[in-house]
Structure formats: structure tokens, C-alpha cells
Amino acid sequence: MRYIQLEEAIFHDENEKFTYKIARIVEGVKALIRIGFTCVCTLNGVKLFRKRQSGVGVSESGIGEI
């Protein structure tokens, strides 16, 4: 529970933006985890990942597939 509270205290921002990616195969999952994406859920065999955008110099945007 402390980790959740810590994350909320550090990252609480109503204007938070995330980059979303989906992965269908193990290699794609490993690649997304390697670059800092977190798995949010699995739906119909597809894993949805998200990564909090830094806000400054963000080059990634939107939804993509790997």
C-alpha cells in the first residue's frame, strides 16, 4: 500500500499523459518492458502497455503496436 501512496504523491497530476502500446507476441512484450512500459491488462490475447510521458521533449505519442 505504501508504494501506491508514494506513486500518487509523486505523480498525482490531473493532466497526466500516457503513451499506449499493444503487444501480441513475447518478443514485443519483452521489448516494451525493456523500454519502461508497464502492462495494464490483457484482452483477447493482446497485452496493453502504458508508459507515463515525461512532459518535456516527449517524442512518443498516441497508441502503437509492437
PDB file of N, CA and C in Angstrom:
ATOM      1  N   MET A   1       0.822  -1.193   0.000  1.00  0.00           N
ATOM      2  CA  MET A   1       0.000   0.000   0.000  1.00  0.00           C
ATOM      3  C   MET A   1       0.866   1.256   0.000  1.00  0.00           C
ATOM      4  N   ARG A   2       2.011   1.206   0.607  1.00  0.00           N
ATOM      5  CA  ARG A   2       2.879   2.384   0.665  1.00  0.00           C
ATOM      6  C   ARG A   2       3.358   2.796  -0.719  1.00  0.00           C
ATOM      7  N   TYR A   3       3.628   1.810  -1.575  1.00  0.00           N
ATOM      8  CA  TYR A   3       4.105   2.132  -2.914  1.00  0.00           C
ATOM      9  C   TYR A   3       3.037   2.871  -3.713  1.00  0.00           C
ATOM     10  N   ILE A   4       1.785   2.458  -3.531  1.00  0.00           N
ATOM     11  CA  ILE A   4       0.684   3.126  -4.220  1.00  0.00           C
ATOM     12  C   ILE A   4       0.562   4.559  -3.732  1.00  0.00           C
ATOM     13  N   GLN A   5       0.644   4.757  -2.437  1.00  0.00           N
ATOM     14  CA  GLN A   5       0.552   6.102  -1.879  1.00  0.00           C
ATOM     15  C   GLN A   5       1.726   6.961  -2.324  1.00  0.00           C
ATOM     16  N   LEU A   6       2.907   6.387  -2.390  1.00  0.00           N
ATOM     17  CA  LEU A   6       4.087   7.103  -2.841  1.00  0.00           C
ATOM     18  C   LEU A   6       3.941   7.530  -4.293  1.00  0.00           C
ATOM     19  N   GLU A   7       3.466   6.617  -5.128  1.00  0.00           N
ATOM     20  CA  GLU A   7       3.262   6.958  -6.537  1.00  0.00           C
ATOM     21  C   GLU A   7       2.238   8.074  -6.683  1.00  0.00           C
ATOM     22  N   GLU A   8       1.146   7.990  -5.939  1.00  0.00           N
ATOM     23  CA  GLU A   8       0.119   9.029  -6.005  1.00  0.00           C
ATOM     24  C   GLU A   8       0.667  10.375  -5.551  1.00  0.00           C
ATOM     25  N   ALA A   9       1.494  10.380  -4.529  1.00  0.00           N
ATOM     26  CA  ALA A   9       2.064  11.626  -4.028  1.00  0.00           C
ATOM     27  C   ALA A   9       3.035  12.241  -5.034  1.00  0.00           C
ATOM     28  N   ILE A  10       3.808  11.410  -5.701  1.00  0.00           N
ATOM     29  CA  ILE A  10       4.809  11.914  -6.638  1.00  0.00           C
ATOM     30  C   ILE A  10       4.185  12.292  -7.977  1.00  0.00           C
ATOM     31  N   PHE A  11       3.315  11.444  -8.480  1.00  0.00           N
ATOM     32  CA  PHE A  11       2.828  11.595  -9.847  1.00  0.00           C
ATOM     33  C   PHE A  11       1.400  12.112  -9.965  1.00  0.00           C
ATOM     34  N   HIS A  12       0.771  12.472  -8.864  1.00  0.00           N
ATOM     35  CA  HIS A  12      -0.614  12.918  -8.947  1.00  0.00           C
ATOM     36  C   HIS A  12      -0.697  14.216  -9.746  1.00  0.00           C
ATOM     37  N   ASP A  13      -1.325  14.106 -10.881  1.00  0.00           N
ATOM     38  CA  ASP A  13      -1.490  15.247 -11.770  1.00  0.00           C
ATOM     39  C   ASP A  13      -2.693  14.956 -12.653  1.00  0.00           C
ATOM     40  N   GLU A  14      -3.659  15.820 -12.641  1.00  0.00           N
ATOM     41  CA  GLU A  14      -4.857  15.585 -13.436  1.00  0.00           C
ATOM     42  C   GLU A  14      -4.570  15.636 -14.926  1.00  0.00           C
ATOM     43  N   ASN A  15      -3.446  16.207 -15.312  1.00  0.00           N
ATOM     44  CA  ASN A  15      -3.092  16.326 -16.724  1.00  0.00           C
ATOM     45  C   ASN A  15      -2.077  15.271 -17.148  1.00  0.00           C
ATOM     46  N   GLU A  16      -2.011  14.165 -16.408  1.00  0.00           N
ATOM     47  CA  GLU A  16      -1.073  13.109 -16.759  1.00  0.00           C
ATOM     48  C   GLU A  16      -1.329  12.603 -18.167  1.00  0.00           C
ATOM     49  N   LYS A  17      -0.259  12.318 -18.869  1.00  0.00           N
ATOM     50  CA  LYS A  17      -0.392  11.777 -20.212  1.00  0.00           C
ATOM     51  C   LYS A  17       0.400  10.480 -20.292  1.00  0.00           C
ATOM     52  N   PHE A  18      -0.154   9.534 -21.004  1.00  0.00           N
ATOM     53  CA  PHE A  18       0.484   8.244 -21.169  1.00  0.00           C
ATOM     54  C   PHE A  18       0.606   7.917 -22.642  1.00  0.00           C
ATOM     55  N   THR A  19       1.626   7.145 -22.967  1.00  0.00           N
ATOM     56  CA  THR A  19       1.766   6.550 -24.284  1.00  0.00           C
ATOM     57  C   THR A  19       1.316   5.112 -24.138  1.00  0.00           C
ATOM     58  N   TYR A  20       0.485   4.638 -25.069  1.00  0.00           N
ATOM     59  CA  TYR A  20      -0.035   3.283 -25.020  1.00  0.00           C
ATOM     60  C   TYR A  20       0.491   2.469 -26.189  1.00  0.00           C
ATOM     61  N   LYS A  21       0.828   1.219 -25.924  1.00  0.00           N
ATOM     62  CA  LYS A  21       1.283   0.281 -26.950  1.00  0.00           C
ATOM     63  C   LYS A  21       0.623  -1.062 -26.687  1.00  0.00           C
ATOM     64  N   ILE A  22       0.472  -1.858 -27.736  1.00  0.00           N
ATOM     65  CA  ILE A  22      -0.032  -3.210 -27.561  1.00  0.00           C
ATOM     66  C   ILE A  22       1.004  -4.205 -28.069  1.00  0.00           C
ATOM     67  N   ALA A  23       0.993  -5.390 -27.491  1.00  0.00           N
ATOM     68  CA  ALA A  23       1.916  -6.451 -27.900  1.00  0.00           C
ATOM     69  C   ALA A  23       1.139  -7.752 -28.031  1.00  0.00           C
ATOM     70  N   ARG A  24       1.447  -8.470 -29.093  1.00  0.00           N
ATOM     71  CA  ARG A  24       0.764  -9.742 -29.348  1.00  0.00           C
ATOM     72  C   ARG A  24       1.691 -10.940 -29.170  1.00  0.00           C
ATOM     73  N   ILE A  25       3.005 -10.717 -29.230  1.00  0.00           N
ATOM     74  CA  ILE A  25       3.964 -11.816 -29.135  1.00  0.00           C
ATOM     75  C   ILE A  25       4.981 -11.533 -28.033  1.00  0.00           C
ATOM     76  N   VAL A  26       5.652 -12.574 -27.573  1.00  0.00           N
ATOM     77  CA  VAL A  26       6.583 -12.469 -26.450  1.00  0.00           C
ATOM     78  C   VAL A  26       7.694 -11.459 -26.737  1.00  0.00           C
ATOM     79  N   GLU A  27       8.225 -11.439 -27.940  1.00  0.00           N
ATOM     80  CA  GLU A  27       9.311 -10.509 -28.266  1.00  0.00           C
ATOM     81  C   GLU A  27       8.849  -9.061 -28.104  1.00  0.00           C
ATOM     82  N   GLY A  28       7.610  -8.784 -28.497  1.00  0.00           N
ATOM     83  CA  GLY A  28       7.063  -7.439 -28.344  1.00  0.00           C
ATOM     84  C   GLY A  28       6.888  -7.067 -26.886  1.00  0.00           C
ATOM     85  N   VAL A  29       6.427  -8.012 -26.083  1.00  0.00           N
ATOM     86  CA  VAL A  29       6.251  -7.791 -24.647  1.00  0.00           C
ATOM     87  C   VAL A  29       7.597  -7.466 -24.009  1.00  0.00           C
ATOM     88  N   LYS A  30       8.613  -8.261 -24.322  1.00  0.00           N
ATOM     89  CA  LYS A  30       9.943  -8.033 -23.747  1.00  0.00           C
ATOM     90  C   LYS A  30      10.494  -6.680 -24.158  1.00  0.00           C
ATOM     91  N   ALA A  31      10.292  -6.292 -25.408  1.00  0.00           N
ATOM     92  CA  ALA A  31      10.805  -5.004 -25.892  1.00  0.00           C
ATOM     93  C   ALA A  31      10.144  -3.837 -25.154  1.00  0.00           C
ATOM     94  N   LEU A  32       8.845  -3.916 -24.943  1.00  0.00           N
ATOM     95  CA  LEU A  32       8.147  -2.830 -24.247  1.00  0.00           C
ATOM     96  C   LEU A  32       8.562  -2.737 -22.788  1.00  0.00           C
ATOM     97  N   ILE A  33       8.710  -3.864 -22.128  1.00  0.00           N
ATOM     98  CA  ILE A  33       9.157  -3.853 -20.732  1.00  0.00           C
ATOM     99  C   ILE A  33      10.559  -3.282 -20.629  1.00  0.00           C
ATOM    100  N   ARG A  34      11.414  -3.639 -21.568  1.00  0.00           N
ATOM    101  CA  ARG A  34      12.795  -3.160 -21.579  1.00  0.00           C
ATOM    102  C   ARG A  34      12.869  -1.629 -21.652  1.00  0.00           C
ATOM    103  N   ILE A  35      11.923  -0.995 -22.360  1.00  0.00           N
ATOM    104  CA  ILE A  35      11.981   0.465 -22.511  1.00  0.00           C
ATOM    105  C   ILE A  35      11.059   1.201 -21.538  1.00  0.00           C
ATOM    106  N   GLY A  36      10.552   0.477 -20.531  1.00  0.00           N
ATOM    107  CA  GLY A  36       9.854   1.141 -19.440  1.00  0.00           C
ATOM    108  C   GLY A  36       8.341   1.127 -19.466  1.00  0.00           C
ATOM    109  N   PHE A  37       7.733   0.349 -20.342  1.00  0.00           N
ATOM    110  CA  PHE A  37       6.277   0.250 -20.362  1.00  0.00           C
ATOM    111  C   PHE A  37       5.813  -0.744 -19.305  1.00  0.00           C
ATOM    112  N   THR A  38       4.612  -0.530 -18.784  1.00  0.00           N
ATOM    113  CA  THR A  38       4.007  -1.391 -17.782  1.00  0.00           C
ATOM    114  C   THR A  38       2.742  -2.014 -18.365  1.00  0.00           C
ATOM    115  N   CYS A  39       2.572  -3.305 -18.151  1.00  0.00           N
ATOM    116  CA  CYS A  39       1.386  -3.998 -18.641  1.00  0.00           C
ATOM    117  C   CYS A  39       0.176  -3.566 -17.816  1.00  0.00           C
ATOM    118  N   VAL A  40      -0.869  -3.111 -18.500  1.00  0.00           N
ATOM    119  CA  VAL A  40      -2.072  -2.643 -17.836  1.00  0.00           C
ATOM    120  C   VAL A  40      -3.116  -3.743 -17.784  1.00  0.00           C
ATOM    121  N   CYS A  41      -3.310  -4.466 -18.896  1.00  0.00           N
ATOM    122  CA  CYS A  41      -4.283  -5.552 -18.913  1.00  0.00           C
ATOM    123  C   CYS A  41      -4.068  -6.422 -20.152  1.00  0.00           C
ATOM    124  N   THR A  42      -4.747  -7.546 -20.177  1.00  0.00           N
ATOM    125  CA  THR A  42      -4.743  -8.451 -21.327  1.00  0.00           C
ATOM    126  C   THR A  42      -6.182  -8.622 -21.775  1.00  0.00           C
ATOM    127  N   LEU A  43      -6.412  -8.471 -23.066  1.00  0.00           N
ATOM    128  CA  LEU A  43      -7.748  -8.593 -23.616  1.00  0.00           C
ATOM    129  C   LEU A  43      -7.678  -9.352 -24.930  1.00  0.00           C
ATOM    130  N   ASN A  44      -8.353 -10.483 -25.007  1.00  0.00           N
ATOM    131  CA  ASN A  44      -8.367 -11.313 -26.216  1.00  0.00           C
ATOM    132  C   ASN A  44      -6.958 -11.669 -26.699  1.00  0.00           C
ATOM    133  N   GLY A  45      -6.072 -11.962 -25.771  1.00  0.00           N
ATOM    134  CA  GLY A  45      -4.719 -12.371 -26.126  1.00  0.00           C
ATOM    135  C   GLY A  45      -3.781 -11.228 -26.479  1.00  0.00           C
ATOM    136  N   VAL A  46      -4.244  -9.994 -26.352  1.00  0.00           N
ATOM    137  CA  VAL A  46      -3.423  -8.815 -26.644  1.00  0.00           C
ATOM    138  C   VAL A  46      -3.131  -8.111 -25.332  1.00  0.00           C
ATOM    139  N   LYS A  47      -1.873  -7.789 -25.090  1.00  0.00           N
ATOM    140  CA  LYS A  47      -1.488  -7.090 -23.863  1.00  0.00           C
ATOM    141  C   LYS A  47      -1.405  -5.594 -24.138  1.00  0.00           C
ATOM    142  N   LEU A  48      -2.008  -4.804 -23.256  1.00  0.00           N
ATOM    143  CA  LEU A  48      -1.981  -3.354 -23.364  1.00  0.00           C
ATOM    144  C   LEU A  48      -0.966  -2.816 -22.366  1.00  0.00           C
ATOM    145  N   PHE A  49      -0.043  -1.996 -22.856  1.00  0.00           N
ATOM    146  CA  PHE A  49       1.002  -1.407 -22.028  1.00  0.00           C
ATOM    147  C   PHE A  49       0.855   0.100 -22.017  1.00  0.00           C
ATOM    148  N   ARG A  50       1.326   0.727 -20.952  1.00  0.00           N
ATOM    149  CA  ARG A  50       1.362   2.189 -20.910  1.00  0.00           C
ATOM    150  C   ARG A  50       2.658   2.648 -20.260  1.00  0.00           C
ATOM    151  N   LYS A  51       3.018   3.885 -20.606  1.00  0.00           N
ATOM    152  CA  LYS A  51       4.226   4.499 -20.055  1.00  0.00           C
ATOM    153  C   LYS A  51       3.920   5.971 -19.845  1.00  0.00           C
ATOM    154  N   ARG A  52       4.192   6.452 -18.651  1.00  0.00           N
ATOM    155  CA  ARG A  52       3.936   7.856 -18.330  1.00  0.00           C
ATOM    156  C   ARG A  52       4.885   8.727 -19.154  1.00  0.00           C
ATOM    157  N   GLN A  53       4.337   9.758 -19.764  1.00  0.00           N
ATOM    158  CA  GLN A  53       5.168  10.668 -20.551  1.00  0.00           C
ATOM    159  C   GLN A  53       5.873  11.630 -19.607  1.00  0.00           C
ATOM    160  N   SER A  54       7.101  11.975 -19.954  1.00  0.00           N
ATOM    161  CA  SER A  54       7.906  12.832 -19.084  1.00  0.00           C
ATOM    162  C   SER A  54       7.451  14.279 -19.114  1.00  0.00           C
ATOM    163  N   GLY A  55       6.814  14.716 -20.182  1.00  0.00           N
ATOM    164  CA  GLY A  55       6.320  16.092 -20.241  1.00  0.00           C
ATOM    165  C   GLY A  55       7.248  17.028 -20.988  1.00  0.00           C
ATOM    166  N   VAL A  56       8.540  16.770 -20.954  1.00  0.00           N
ATOM    167  CA  VAL A  56       9.499  17.626 -21.633  1.00  0.00           C
ATOM    168  C   VAL A  56      10.190  16.814 -22.720  1.00  0.00           C
ATOM    169  N   GLY A  57      10.106  17.264 -23.924  1.00  0.00           N
ATOM    170  CA  GLY A  57      10.775  16.580 -25.030  1.00  0.00           C
ATOM    171  C   GLY A  57      10.180  15.235 -25.347  1.00  0.00           C
ATOM    172  N   VAL A  58       8.882  15.069 -25.162  1.00  0.00           N
ATOM    173  CA  VAL A  58       8.234  13.794 -25.435  1.00  0.00           C
ATOM    174  C   VAL A  58       8.102  13.606 -26.933  1.00  0.00           C
ATOM    175  N   SER A  59       8.672  12.528 -27.428  1.00  0.00           N
ATOM    176  CA  SER A  59       8.578  12.264 -28.861  1.00  0.00           C
ATOM    177  C   SER A  59       7.549  11.178 -29.157  1.00  0.00           C
ATOM    178  N   GLU A  60       7.220  10.350 -28.175  1.00  0.00           N
ATOM    179  CA  GLU A  60       6.239   9.297 -28.365  1.00  0.00           C
ATOM    180  C   GLU A  60       4.858   9.841 -28.078  1.00  0.00           C
ATOM    181  N   SER A  61       3.883   9.420 -28.837  1.00  0.00           N
ATOM    182  CA  SER A  61       2.514   9.831 -28.540  1.00  0.00           C
ATOM    183  C   SER A  61       1.540   8.824 -29.117  1.00  0.00           C
ATOM    184  N   GLY A  62       0.357   8.823 -28.547  1.00  0.00           N
ATOM    185  CA  GLY A  62      -0.707   8.001 -29.095  1.00  0.00           C
ATOM    186  C   GLY A  62      -0.578   6.534 -28.782  1.00  0.00           C
ATOM    187  N   ILE A  63      -1.210   5.744 -29.646  1.00  0.00           N
ATOM    188  CA  ILE A  63      -1.259   4.299 -29.476  1.00  0.00           C
ATOM    189  C   ILE A  63      -0.475   3.650 -30.593  1.00  0.00           C
ATOM    190  N   GLY A  64       0.283   2.649 -30.269  1.00  0.00           N
ATOM    191  CA  GLY A  64       1.046   1.933 -31.283  1.00  0.00           C
ATOM    192  C   GLY A  64       1.081   0.456 -30.986  1.00  0.00           C
ATOM    193  N   GLU A  65       1.538  -0.292 -31.956  1.00  0.00           N
ATOM    194  CA  GLU A  65       1.625  -1.735 -31.797  1.00  0.00           C
ATOM    195  C   GLU A  65       3.057  -2.161 -32.031  1.00  0.00           C
ATOM    196  N   ILE A  66       3.510  -3.098 -31.218  1.00  0.00           N
ATOM    197  CA  ILE A  66       4.858  -3.648 -31.397  1.00  0.00           C
ATOM    198  C   ILE A  66       4.758  -5.153 -31.474  1.00  0.00           C
TER     199      ILE A  66
END
